[in-house]
Amino acid sequence: MALFISVIARYPPVHVSCIGQSTGHAWSNECAAKQSNLRTNYLKMDIVMNQDERIEQFRKMAQANPDDDLAHFALGQALADAGRPAEAVNVLRHVLKINPGYSRAYVVLGDSQIITEDVDGAIETFQSGYAAAMSRGDLMPGLEMKQKLADLGETVSADAILQAAVDDVDIADEREPGPGEMRCARTKKIGKVMTDAPFADEVGQWIVQNISAESWDDWMEMSIKLINELRLDLGDTDAQRIYDEHMRDFLGVPTALFPAPVDDEDDTDDDATGDD
């Protein structure tokens, strides 16, 4: 009897009714199912305990460092992973108060808002997050949020992009531009005038008249990330369209300056003139 009890204590996933009864195919299947269910329950208990322990660890870390955006984000992410989105929303909002440029916090916050059925709040979060990410060169979180907006039937808001640029304005940079300088339409900061238009069309003219050399350099750096991470072949028209779309969003170029996309021609004439 003592041996029987010790076996149960050491291997709790093994069901009691399975001990010493190993004959009969139908019975073995039932026994295996019981073992599987019990093992799954124990694993779930272990995961929940681990999640709770992680959350408490991160909570203590955040409480000890109230101005540490990373500590609070770790707590918010852990809450989201544990299926506690309402709590995650409160923590992640605090992260963005500490650091409005924390791109991943926007992503997790928006996802948590969707789970709590606050779709309008999620759209606003993704709009602000996309603008903040792109203005800081965080390409992948920006693209992820743009796709999430598309999945919700929304497009990127030009107002959100503009607001992100305004929020970055240096208060001390309120002087008038000097010779060879301009106030950039993207950043609202004073920068150098570009020496030449980057393109020989209306888009190029708008850029040279409204975008500083510093902002153009920022786009050149961002465009390298875009080409490499999305593996764009700029000899392909679809890749060119994607490139132009992100350049337009990043620099704030008016959409009207870009040519309208051309759809493939339908073979309607051939159908109309077909033999009866």
Protein backbone atom coordinates (compact mmCIF):
# COMPACT_ATOMS: atom_id res chain seq x y z
CA MET A 1 0.00 0.00 0.00
CA ALA A 2 2.82 2.37 0.83
CA LEU A 3 4.43 1.67 -2.56
CA PHE A 4 1.10 2.33 -4.32
CA ILE A 5 0.76 5.72 -2.61
CA SER A 6 4.36 6.69 -3.41
CA VAL A 7 3.81 5.96 -7.10
CA ILE A 8 0.73 8.21 -7.16
CA ALA A 9 2.60 11.01 -5.39
CA ARG A 10 5.60 10.88 -7.74
CA TYR A 11 3.66 10.67 -11.00
CA PRO A 12 0.39 12.55 -10.45
CA PRO A 13 -0.59 12.66 -14.17
CA VAL A 14 -1.14 8.84 -14.07
CA HIS A 15 -4.79 8.17 -13.24
CA VAL A 16 -5.44 5.91 -10.21
CA SER A 17 -7.76 3.60 -12.16
CA CYS A 18 -4.96 2.89 -14.63
CA ILE A 19 -2.62 1.37 -12.02
CA GLY A 20 -2.32 -2.41 -12.38
CA GLN A 21 -4.87 -2.66 -15.23
CA SER A 22 -3.20 -2.88 -18.59
CA THR A 23 -5.24 -5.45 -20.51
CA GLY A 24 -8.01 -4.81 -23.03
CA HIS A 25 -7.65 -2.48 -26.09
CA ALA A 26 -10.82 -0.45 -25.43
CA TRP A 27 -9.91 0.04 -21.78
CA SER A 28 -6.36 1.09 -22.71
CA ASN A 29 -7.70 3.87 -24.95
CA GLU A 30 -9.88 5.16 -22.12
CA CYS A 31 -6.96 5.04 -19.73
CA ALA A 32 -4.70 6.86 -22.20
CA ALA A 33 -7.33 9.58 -22.60
CA LYS A 34 -7.53 10.07 -18.83
CA GLN A 35 -3.74 10.29 -18.59
CA SER A 36 -3.61 12.78 -21.45
CA ASN A 37 -6.31 15.00 -19.93
CA LEU A 38 -4.66 14.99 -16.52
CA ARG A 39 -1.24 15.75 -17.99
CA THR A 40 -2.72 18.65 -19.96
CA ASN A 41 -4.34 20.03 -16.81
CA TYR A 42 -1.07 19.84 -14.89
CA LEU A 43 0.78 21.57 -17.72
CA LYS A 44 -1.85 24.30 -17.78
CA MET A 45 -1.49 24.75 -14.02
CA ASP A 46 2.27 25.01 -14.44
CA ILE A 47 1.93 27.62 -17.21
CA VAL A 48 -0.54 29.69 -15.17
CA MET A 49 1.74 29.58 -12.14
CA ASN A 50 4.70 30.61 -14.30
CA GLN A 51 2.71 33.47 -15.86
CA ASP A 52 1.53 34.68 -12.47
CA GLU A 53 5.07 34.54 -11.12
CA ARG A 54 6.41 36.47 -14.13
CA ILE A 55 3.68 39.09 -13.80
CA GLU A 56 4.46 39.62 -10.12
CA GLN A 57 8.16 39.88 -10.85
CA PHE A 58 7.55 42.48 -13.55
CA ARG A 59 5.07 44.31 -11.34
CA LYS A 60 7.65 44.62 -8.56
CA MET A 61 10.20 45.81 -11.10
CA ALA A 62 7.80 48.45 -12.47
CA GLN A 63 6.86 49.63 -8.98
CA ALA A 64 10.53 49.98 -8.08
CA ASN A 65 11.19 51.94 -11.30
CA PRO A 66 8.11 54.11 -11.95
CA ASP A 67 9.78 55.99 -14.83
CA ASP A 68 11.26 52.94 -16.56
CA ASP A 69 9.34 52.39 -19.81
CA LEU A 70 10.96 49.00 -20.42
CA ALA A 71 9.94 47.66 -17.00
CA HIS A 72 6.34 48.76 -17.48
CA PHE A 73 6.23 47.40 -21.03
CA ALA A 74 7.45 44.02 -19.79
CA LEU A 75 4.57 44.01 -17.31
CA GLY A 76 2.05 45.02 -19.97
CA GLN A 77 3.29 42.37 -22.38
CA ALA A 78 3.14 39.70 -19.66
CA LEU A 79 -0.45 40.67 -18.81
CA ALA A 80 -1.43 40.53 -22.48
CA ASP A 81 0.23 37.12 -22.88
CA ALA A 82 -1.65 35.87 -19.81
CA GLY A 83 -5.02 36.79 -21.31
CA ARG A 84 -5.57 39.83 -19.09
CA PRO A 85 -6.03 42.54 -21.74
CA ALA A 86 -7.93 45.06 -19.59
CA GLU A 87 -5.04 45.21 -17.12
CA ALA A 88 -2.55 45.31 -19.99
CA VAL A 89 -4.31 48.36 -21.48
CA ASN A 90 -3.83 50.41 -18.30
CA VAL A 91 -0.15 49.50 -18.02
CA LEU A 92 0.63 50.11 -21.70
CA ARG A 93 -1.05 53.51 -21.62
CA HIS A 94 1.32 54.39 -18.80
CA VAL A 95 4.26 53.20 -20.94
CA LEU A 96 3.27 55.65 -23.67
CA LYS A 97 2.99 58.47 -21.14
CA ILE A 98 6.58 57.76 -20.14
CA ASN A 99 7.79 57.27 -23.71
CA PRO A 100 5.42 58.31 -26.55
CA GLY A 101 7.86 56.81 -29.04
CA TYR A 102 7.70 53.22 -27.76
CA SER A 103 6.50 51.58 -30.99
CA ARG A 104 5.93 48.04 -29.67
CA ALA A 105 3.78 49.42 -26.85
CA TYR A 106 1.34 50.80 -29.44
CA VAL A 107 1.12 47.39 -31.11
CA VAL A 108 0.38 45.45 -27.91
CA LEU A 109 -1.96 48.17 -26.63
CA GLY A 110 -4.00 48.15 -29.83
CA ASP A 111 -4.24 44.37 -29.83
CA SER A 112 -5.41 44.42 -26.20
CA GLN A 113 -8.02 47.08 -27.00
CA ILE A 114 -9.42 44.92 -29.79
CA ILE A 115 -9.76 41.99 -27.38
CA THR A 116 -11.64 44.24 -24.92
CA GLU A 117 -13.91 45.27 -27.85
CA ASP A 118 -12.62 48.86 -27.91
CA VAL A 119 -12.11 48.88 -31.69
CA ASP A 120 -12.27 52.67 -32.01
CA GLY A 121 -9.58 52.98 -29.35
CA ALA A 122 -7.45 50.41 -31.17
CA ILE A 123 -7.75 52.33 -34.45
CA GLU A 124 -6.65 55.53 -32.72
CA THR A 125 -3.75 53.68 -31.09
CA PHE A 126 -2.56 52.15 -34.37
CA GLN A 127 -2.86 55.50 -36.14
CA SER A 128 -0.74 57.27 -33.52
CA GLY A 129 1.63 54.32 -33.28
CA TYR A 130 2.20 54.14 -37.04
CA ALA A 131 2.99 57.85 -37.19
CA ALA A 132 5.33 57.65 -34.19
CA ALA A 133 7.10 54.55 -35.52
CA MET A 134 7.65 55.92 -39.01
CA SER A 135 8.85 59.30 -37.71
CA ARG A 136 11.48 57.47 -35.64
CA GLY A 137 12.52 54.94 -38.25
CA ASP A 138 10.90 51.90 -36.57
CA LEU A 139 9.95 50.30 -39.87
CA MET A 140 8.64 46.86 -38.89
CA PRO A 141 6.30 47.96 -36.06
CA GLY A 142 5.07 50.73 -38.35
CA LEU A 143 4.28 48.32 -41.18
CA GLU A 144 2.64 45.92 -38.73
CA MET A 145 0.31 48.65 -37.45
CA LYS A 146 -0.48 49.80 -40.98
CA GLN A 147 -1.58 46.25 -41.81
CA LYS A 148 -3.66 46.07 -38.64
CA LEU A 149 -5.41 49.27 -39.70
CA ALA A 150 -6.08 47.77 -43.12
CA ASP A 151 -7.52 44.66 -41.45
CA LEU A 152 -9.90 46.98 -39.57
CA GLY A 153 -10.91 48.71 -42.81
CA GLU A 154 -8.91 51.86 -42.07
CA THR A 155 -6.08 53.71 -43.82
CA VAL A 156 -3.17 55.66 -42.39
CA SER A 157 -4.23 59.10 -41.16
CA ALA A 158 -2.25 62.03 -42.53
CA ASP A 159 -3.35 64.04 -39.48
CA ALA A 160 -1.74 61.48 -37.14
CA ILE A 161 1.52 61.63 -39.10
CA LEU A 162 1.49 65.43 -38.99
CA GLN A 163 0.77 65.44 -35.26
CA ALA A 164 3.72 63.11 -34.62
CA ALA A 165 5.99 65.50 -36.49
CA VAL A 166 4.62 68.49 -34.55
CA ASP A 167 5.17 66.68 -31.25
CA ASP A 168 8.84 66.27 -32.16
CA VAL A 169 9.41 69.99 -32.74
CA ASP A 170 12.17 71.47 -30.62
CA ILE A 171 10.64 74.41 -28.73
CA ALA A 172 13.96 76.28 -29.00
CA ASP A 173 13.79 76.02 -32.80
CA GLU A 174 11.35 78.89 -33.28
CA ARG A 175 13.67 81.26 -35.14
CA GLU A 176 13.23 82.20 -38.78
CA PRO A 177 15.24 80.19 -41.34
CA GLY A 178 18.50 81.78 -42.44
CA PRO A 179 20.23 81.68 -45.84
CA GLY A 180 20.28 78.16 -47.25
CA GLU A 181 17.75 77.02 -44.63
CA MET A 182 14.05 76.15 -44.58
CA ARG A 183 11.42 74.92 -42.17
CA CYS A 184 10.78 71.33 -43.12
CA ALA A 185 7.16 70.38 -43.79
CA ARG A 186 7.76 66.95 -42.27
CA THR A 187 9.48 67.82 -38.99
CA LYS A 188 8.52 71.51 -38.67
CA LYS A 189 12.18 72.07 -37.79
CA ILE A 190 14.68 74.30 -39.52
CA GLY A 191 17.05 72.41 -41.77
CA LYS A 192 19.22 72.79 -44.86
CA VAL A 193 17.71 73.35 -48.28
CA MET A 194 18.30 70.47 -50.70
CA THR A 195 20.57 71.43 -53.59
CA ASP A 196 18.67 69.43 -56.22
CA ALA A 197 15.28 67.81 -56.66
CA PRO A 198 15.54 64.02 -56.17
CA PHE A 199 13.15 63.33 -59.07
CA ALA A 200 12.47 65.12 -62.34
CA ASP A 201 8.70 65.36 -61.80
CA GLU A 202 6.09 67.07 -59.60
CA VAL A 203 6.94 64.82 -56.65
CA GLY A 204 10.60 65.81 -56.87
CA GLN A 205 9.70 69.50 -57.07
CA TRP A 206 7.41 69.26 -54.04
CA ILE A 207 10.13 67.50 -52.05
CA VAL A 208 12.86 70.04 -52.83
CA GLN A 209 10.49 72.91 -51.96
CA ASN A 210 9.10 71.44 -48.73
CA ILE A 211 11.51 68.85 -47.33
CA SER A 212 14.86 69.61 -45.70
CA ALA A 213 18.06 67.82 -46.61
CA GLU A 214 18.07 66.24 -43.13
CA SER A 215 14.59 64.78 -43.63
CA TRP A 216 15.58 63.48 -47.05
CA ASP A 217 18.61 61.78 -45.49
CA ASP A 218 16.27 60.21 -42.92
CA TRP A 219 14.15 58.85 -45.76
CA MET A 220 17.23 57.50 -47.55
CA GLU A 221 18.13 55.56 -44.42
CA MET A 222 14.54 54.36 -44.00
CA SER A 223 14.28 53.39 -47.68
CA ILE A 224 17.28 51.09 -47.34
CA LYS A 225 15.50 49.28 -44.49
CA LEU A 226 12.33 49.16 -46.56
CA ILE A 227 14.05 47.67 -49.62
CA ASN A 228 16.05 45.14 -47.61
CA GLU A 229 13.36 44.01 -45.16
CA LEU A 230 10.58 43.81 -47.76
CA ARG A 231 13.00 42.57 -50.44
CA LEU A 232 11.75 45.08 -52.97
CA ASP A 233 12.90 44.77 -56.57
CA LEU A 234 12.55 48.34 -57.80
CA GLY A 235 12.48 47.09 -61.37
CA ASP A 236 9.02 45.71 -60.57
CA THR A 237 6.02 48.07 -60.82
CA ASP A 238 4.38 46.67 -57.66
CA ALA A 239 7.61 47.24 -55.72
CA GLN A 240 7.80 50.80 -57.07
CA ARG A 241 4.24 51.40 -55.89
CA ILE A 242 5.07 50.10 -52.40
CA TYR A 243 8.20 52.27 -52.30
CA ASP A 244 6.26 55.39 -53.38
CA GLU A 245 3.50 54.67 -50.87
CA HIS A 246 5.92 54.55 -47.94
CA MET A 247 7.86 57.58 -49.17
CA ARG A 248 4.57 59.47 -49.40
CA ASP A 249 3.62 58.51 -45.83
CA PHE A 250 7.08 59.21 -44.42
CA LEU A 251 7.59 62.63 -46.03
CA GLY A 252 3.95 63.71 -46.20
CA VAL A 253 3.91 64.14 -49.97
CA PRO A 254 0.38 64.94 -51.22
CA THR A 255 -1.28 61.85 -52.68
CA ALA A 256 -2.56 63.86 -55.66
CA LEU A 257 1.00 64.24 -56.98
CA PHE A 258 1.34 60.50 -57.55
CA PRO A 259 -0.13 58.90 -60.68
CA ALA A 260 -3.27 56.86 -60.12
CA PRO A 261 -2.67 53.09 -60.18
CA VAL A 262 -3.35 51.53 -63.54
CA ASP A 263 -5.41 48.33 -63.55
CA ASP A 264 -4.67 45.57 -66.02
CA GLU A 265 -6.75 45.98 -69.16
CA ASP A 266 -9.60 43.55 -69.49
CA ASP A 267 -9.99 41.59 -72.68
CA THR A 268 -13.55 42.86 -73.08
CA ASP A 269 -13.08 43.63 -76.77
CA ASP A 270 -12.07 40.07 -77.50
CA ASP A 271 -15.10 38.77 -75.62
CA ALA A 272 -17.41 41.16 -77.46
CA THR A 273 -16.12 40.14 -80.89
CA GLY A 274 -16.09 36.39 -80.17
CA ASP A 275 -17.90 33.95 -82.42
CA ASP A 276 -21.49 33.09 -81.58
